[in-house]
């Protein structure tokens, strides 16, 4: 399991990457991240929503309120053009970090 200190830094990349495929509600976003990482990354909604709020303030994601058929209101998040622009250099930055860590720790890809 990946520790919480490392996970904090991965939340933005994970959110932007998942939203690249289309808009999602917070719960769906958390589920998608967990599923696509085979459970290695898990974010509670209490941890996810503050990150989404910060990303919305930066203009990387947009949240819109929607009302479901049963009358329940939920916020649906989508990637903005600024978020798409941010995603590419963020991926490269993380790739560079992973290359450096592999070199330093002598860990090879499995």
C-alpha atoms as a PDB file:
ATOM      1  CA  UNK A   1       0.000   0.000   0.000  1.00  0.00           C
ATOM      2  CA  UNK A   2       1.260   3.476  -0.847  1.00  0.00           C
ATOM      3  CA  UNK A   3       1.716   5.756   2.175  1.00  0.00           C
ATOM      4  CA  UNK A   4      -0.329   8.902   2.756  1.00  0.00           C
ATOM      5  CA  UNK A   5       2.620  11.312   2.425  1.00  0.00           C
ATOM      6  CA  UNK A   6       3.311  10.178  -1.109  1.00  0.00           C
ATOM      7  CA  UNK A   7      -0.392   9.989  -1.966  1.00  0.00           C
ATOM      8  CA  UNK A   8      -0.951  13.677  -1.151  1.00  0.00           C
ATOM      9  CA  UNK A   9       1.327  14.652  -4.011  1.00  0.00           C
ATOM     10  CA  UNK A  10      -0.331  12.281  -6.445  1.00  0.00           C
ATOM     11  CA  UNK A  11      -3.920  13.440  -5.968  1.00  0.00           C
ATOM     12  CA  UNK A  12      -3.801  16.274  -8.502  1.00  0.00           C
ATOM     13  CA  UNK A  13      -2.215  14.119 -11.190  1.00  0.00           C
ATOM     14  CA  UNK A  14      -4.670  11.292 -10.521  1.00  0.00           C
ATOM     15  CA  UNK A  15      -7.695  13.609 -10.639  1.00  0.00           C
ATOM     16  CA  UNK A  16      -6.635  15.358 -13.837  1.00  0.00           C
ATOM     17  CA  UNK A  17      -5.783  12.051 -15.504  1.00  0.00           C
ATOM     18  CA  UNK A  18      -9.119  10.442 -14.657  1.00  0.00           C
ATOM     19  CA  UNK A  19     -11.140  13.526 -15.611  1.00  0.00           C
ATOM     20  CA  UNK A  20      -9.394  13.492 -18.986  1.00  0.00           C
ATOM     21  CA  UNK A  21     -11.821  10.666 -19.878  1.00  0.00           C
ATOM     22  CA  UNK A  22     -14.893  12.721 -18.953  1.00  0.00           C
ATOM     23  CA  UNK A  23     -16.806  14.390 -16.106  1.00  0.00           C
ATOM     24  CA  UNK A  24     -17.420  12.531 -12.832  1.00  0.00           C
ATOM     25  CA  UNK A  25     -18.951  13.090  -9.416  1.00  0.00           C
ATOM     26  CA  UNK A  26     -16.571  13.011  -6.443  1.00  0.00           C
ATOM     27  CA  UNK A  27     -17.542   9.492  -5.388  1.00  0.00           C
ATOM     28  CA  UNK A  28     -17.209   8.195  -8.955  1.00  0.00           C
ATOM     29  CA  UNK A  29     -13.820   9.901  -9.206  1.00  0.00           C
ATOM     30  CA  UNK A  30     -12.552   8.176  -6.053  1.00  0.00           C
ATOM     31  CA  UNK A  31     -13.861   4.815  -7.287  1.00  0.00           C
ATOM     32  CA  UNK A  32     -12.273   5.234 -10.726  1.00  0.00           C
ATOM     33  CA  UNK A  33      -8.866   6.100  -9.235  1.00  0.00           C
ATOM     34  CA  UNK A  34      -9.014   3.051  -6.969  1.00  0.00           C
ATOM     35  CA  UNK A  35     -10.119   0.763  -9.802  1.00  0.00           C
ATOM     36  CA  UNK A  36      -7.568   1.994 -12.349  1.00  0.00           C
ATOM     37  CA  UNK A  37      -4.717   1.636  -9.826  1.00  0.00           C
ATOM     38  CA  UNK A  38      -5.968  -1.794  -8.690  1.00  0.00           C
ATOM     39  CA  UNK A  39      -6.448  -0.424  -5.185  1.00  0.00           C
ATOM     40  CA  UNK A  40      -2.932   1.026  -4.819  1.00  0.00           C
ATOM     41  CA  UNK A  41      -4.344   4.572  -4.607  1.00  0.00           C
ATOM     42  CA  UNK A  42      -7.393   5.186  -2.461  1.00  0.00           C
ATOM     43  CA  UNK A  43      -8.695   8.617  -1.600  1.00  0.00           C
ATOM     44  CA  UNK A  44     -11.410   9.212   0.943  1.00  0.00           C
ATOM     45  CA  UNK A  45     -13.990  11.814  -0.014  1.00  0.00           C
ATOM     46  CA  UNK A  46     -12.777  13.882   2.954  1.00  0.00           C
ATOM     47  CA  UNK A  47      -9.334  14.023   1.327  1.00  0.00           C
ATOM     48  CA  UNK A  48     -10.552  14.325  -2.259  1.00  0.00           C
ATOM     49  CA  UNK A  49     -12.957  17.259  -1.961  1.00  0.00           C
ATOM     50  CA  UNK A  50     -10.450  19.804  -0.577  1.00  0.00           C
ATOM     51  CA  UNK A  51      -8.111  18.912  -3.463  1.00  0.00           C
ATOM     52  CA  UNK A  52     -10.943  19.326  -5.967  1.00  0.00           C
ATOM     53  CA  UNK A  53     -11.815  22.684  -4.405  1.00  0.00           C
ATOM     54  CA  UNK A  54      -8.196  23.906  -4.738  1.00  0.00           C
ATOM     55  CA  UNK A  55      -8.047  22.679  -8.318  1.00  0.00           C
ATOM     56  CA  UNK A  56     -11.309  24.466  -9.065  1.00  0.00           C
ATOM     57  CA  UNK A  57      -9.857  27.685  -7.615  1.00  0.00           C
ATOM     58  CA  UNK A  58      -6.844  27.298  -9.930  1.00  0.00           C
ATOM     59  CA  UNK A  59      -9.172  26.814 -12.892  1.00  0.00           C
ATOM     60  CA  UNK A  60      -8.024  23.241 -13.630  1.00  0.00           C
ATOM     61  CA  UNK A  61     -11.440  21.664 -13.023  1.00  0.00           C
ATOM     62  CA  UNK A  62     -14.994  22.957 -13.090  1.00  0.00           C
ATOM     63  CA  UNK A  63     -17.665  21.752 -10.708  1.00  0.00           C
ATOM     64  CA  UNK A  64     -21.357  21.969 -11.591  1.00  0.00           C
ATOM     65  CA  UNK A  65     -24.274  21.059  -9.362  1.00  0.00           C
ATOM     66  CA  UNK A  66     -26.605  18.426 -10.776  1.00  0.00           C
ATOM     67  CA  UNK A  67     -29.827  17.024  -9.395  1.00  0.00           C
ATOM     68  CA  UNK A  68     -30.360  13.279  -9.719  1.00  0.00           C
ATOM     69  CA  UNK A  69     -33.708  11.625 -10.440  1.00  0.00           C
ATOM     70  CA  UNK A  70     -34.277  11.120  -6.720  1.00  0.00           C
ATOM     71  CA  UNK A  71     -33.755  14.855  -6.085  1.00  0.00           C
ATOM     72  CA  UNK A  72     -30.293  14.524  -4.569  1.00  0.00           C
ATOM     73  CA  UNK A  73     -27.820  17.253  -5.521  1.00  0.00           C
ATOM     74  CA  UNK A  74     -24.283  16.245  -6.463  1.00  0.00           C
ATOM     75  CA  UNK A  75     -21.338  18.147  -7.828  1.00  0.00           C
ATOM     76  CA  UNK A  76     -19.984  16.896 -11.148  1.00  0.00           C
ATOM     77  CA  UNK A  77     -16.373  17.773 -12.013  1.00  0.00           C
ATOM     78  CA  UNK A  78     -14.909  18.197 -15.475  1.00  0.00           C
ATOM     79  CA  UNK A  79     -11.479  19.037 -16.809  1.00  0.00           C
ATOM     80  CA  UNK A  80     -11.042  22.593 -18.119  1.00  0.00           C
ATOM     81  CA  UNK A  81      -8.724  23.680 -20.920  1.00  0.00           C
ATOM     82  CA  UNK A  82      -6.339  25.000 -18.237  1.00  0.00           C
ATOM     83  CA  UNK A  83      -6.423  21.568 -16.587  1.00  0.00           C
ATOM     84  CA  UNK A  84      -5.635  19.878 -19.891  1.00  0.00           C
ATOM     85  CA  UNK A  85      -2.725  22.270 -20.378  1.00  0.00           C
ATOM     86  CA  UNK A  86      -1.442  21.530 -16.850  1.00  0.00           C
ATOM     87  CA  UNK A  87      -1.680  17.747 -17.249  1.00  0.00           C
ATOM     88  CA  UNK A  88       1.102  17.252 -19.812  1.00  0.00           C
ATOM     89  CA  UNK A  89       3.927  19.008 -17.909  1.00  0.00           C
ATOM     90  CA  UNK A  90       2.697  17.443 -14.661  1.00  0.00           C
ATOM     91  CA  UNK A  91       2.984  13.972 -16.214  1.00  0.00           C
ATOM     92  CA  UNK A  92       6.489  14.747 -17.427  1.00  0.00           C
ATOM     93  CA  UNK A  93       7.504  16.047 -14.000  1.00  0.00           C
ATOM     94  CA  UNK A  94       6.287  12.837 -12.340  1.00  0.00           C
ATOM     95  CA  UNK A  95       7.952  10.686 -15.022  1.00  0.00           C
ATOM     96  CA  UNK A  96      11.221  12.483 -14.322  1.00  0.00           C
ATOM     97  CA  UNK A  97      10.808  11.857 -10.590  1.00  0.00           C
ATOM     98  CA  UNK A  98      10.133   8.151 -11.204  1.00  0.00           C
ATOM     99  CA  UNK A  99      13.210   7.857 -13.471  1.00  0.00           C
ATOM    100  CA  UNK A 100      15.370   9.493 -10.811  1.00  0.00           C
ATOM    101  CA  UNK A 101      14.008   7.265  -8.046  1.00  0.00           C
ATOM    102  CA  UNK A 102      14.523   4.113 -10.138  1.00  0.00           C
ATOM    103  CA  UNK A 103      18.101   5.158 -10.784  1.00  0.00           C
ATOM    104  CA  UNK A 104      18.729   6.058  -7.172  1.00  0.00           C
ATOM    105  CA  UNK A 105      17.126   2.966  -5.666  1.00  0.00           C
ATOM    106  CA  UNK A 106      18.155   0.607  -8.449  1.00  0.00           C
ATOM    107  CA  UNK A 107      14.513  -0.512  -8.820  1.00  0.00           C
ATOM    108  CA  UNK A 108      13.637  -1.708 -12.295  1.00  0.00           C
ATOM    109  CA  UNK A 109      10.245  -1.855 -13.952  1.00  0.00           C
ATOM    110  CA  UNK A 110       8.444  -5.115 -13.310  1.00  0.00           C
END
